[in-house]
Amino acid sequence: MAVLNNREVQEMTEKEKGKKLKELRKELIKQNVASEDKIKPKEIKKAIARLMTSLNNTETRQEAKSAKSSGRS
């Protein structure tokens, strides 16, 4: 079972994504220290990657939009 799926990420605001990213990073550290279950850290890493990808895509779209409005291609 996924910690966070793509639909949930898409529905989040930028603030929520940042907050969730911090929470997941803390959880990953706790899981690595406990080192009981190897599946959970893998799921957490995937959720972190989803959030970071979504945040990067948003930044890229904003940069493209500002470049387009300023006349650059």
Protein backbone atom coordinates (compact mmCIF):
# COMPACT_ATOMS: atom_id res chain seq x y z
CA MET A 1 0.00 0.00 0.00
CA ALA A 2 1.38 3.37 -1.01
CA VAL A 3 2.05 6.05 1.57
CA LEU A 4 0.94 8.72 -0.90
CA ASN A 5 -0.45 8.31 -4.39
CA ASN A 6 -0.23 10.66 -7.38
CA ARG A 7 -3.83 11.83 -7.14
CA GLU A 8 -3.31 12.93 -3.53
CA VAL A 9 -0.16 14.81 -4.52
CA GLN A 10 -1.94 16.60 -7.38
CA GLU A 11 -4.71 17.74 -5.04
CA MET A 12 -2.27 19.25 -2.51
CA THR A 13 -1.27 22.91 -2.38
CA GLU A 14 2.40 23.91 -2.45
CA LYS A 15 2.38 24.47 1.32
CA GLU A 16 0.84 21.07 1.96
CA LYS A 17 3.43 19.42 -0.29
CA GLY A 18 6.27 21.09 1.57
CA LYS A 19 4.85 20.10 4.95
CA LYS A 20 4.27 16.51 3.84
CA LEU A 21 7.80 16.35 2.41
CA LYS A 22 9.26 17.33 5.78
CA GLU A 23 7.07 14.78 7.57
CA LEU A 24 8.09 11.99 5.21
CA ARG A 25 11.78 12.80 5.54
CA LYS A 26 11.50 12.60 9.33
CA GLU A 27 9.60 9.33 9.05
CA LEU A 28 12.28 7.93 6.72
CA ILE A 29 14.98 8.74 9.25
CA LYS A 30 12.97 7.03 12.01
CA GLN A 31 12.45 3.96 9.83
CA ASN A 32 16.13 3.75 8.91
CA VAL A 33 17.12 3.94 12.58
CA ALA A 34 14.56 1.29 13.57
CA SER A 35 15.49 -0.82 10.54
CA GLU A 36 12.76 -3.39 11.27
CA ASP A 37 10.82 -3.34 8.03
CA LYS A 38 12.54 -2.63 4.70
CA ILE A 39 9.29 -2.15 2.76
CA LYS A 40 8.18 0.99 4.60
CA PRO A 41 11.35 3.03 3.81
CA LYS A 42 10.96 2.12 0.14
CA GLU A 43 7.38 3.42 0.11
CA ILE A 44 8.42 6.59 1.92
CA LYS A 45 11.19 7.22 -0.63
CA LYS A 46 8.68 6.83 -3.46
CA ALA A 47 6.29 9.29 -1.80
CA ILE A 48 9.14 11.78 -1.34
CA ALA A 49 10.04 11.40 -5.02
CA ARG A 50 6.41 12.01 -6.04
CA LEU A 51 6.26 15.20 -3.98
CA MET A 52 9.60 16.49 -5.25
CA THR A 53 8.64 15.75 -8.85
CA SER A 54 5.36 17.58 -8.42
CA LEU A 55 7.08 20.58 -6.83
CA ASN A 56 9.71 20.69 -9.59
CA ASN A 57 7.05 20.47 -12.31
CA THR A 58 5.18 23.38 -10.74
CA GLU A 59 8.35 25.48 -10.63
CA THR A 60 9.16 24.63 -14.25
CA ARG A 61 5.65 25.62 -15.38
CA GLN A 62 5.89 28.91 -13.50
CA GLU A 63 9.29 29.67 -15.06
CA ALA A 64 7.99 28.87 -18.54
CA LYS A 65 4.95 31.05 -17.97
CA SER A 66 7.07 34.00 -16.82
CA ALA A 67 9.50 33.56 -19.71
CA LYS A 68 6.62 33.48 -22.17
CA SER A 69 5.06 36.62 -20.72
CA SER A 70 8.38 38.48 -20.86
CA GLY A 71 8.81 37.61 -24.53
CA ARG A 72 11.49 34.95 -24.23
CA SER A 73 11.10 31.43 -25.64
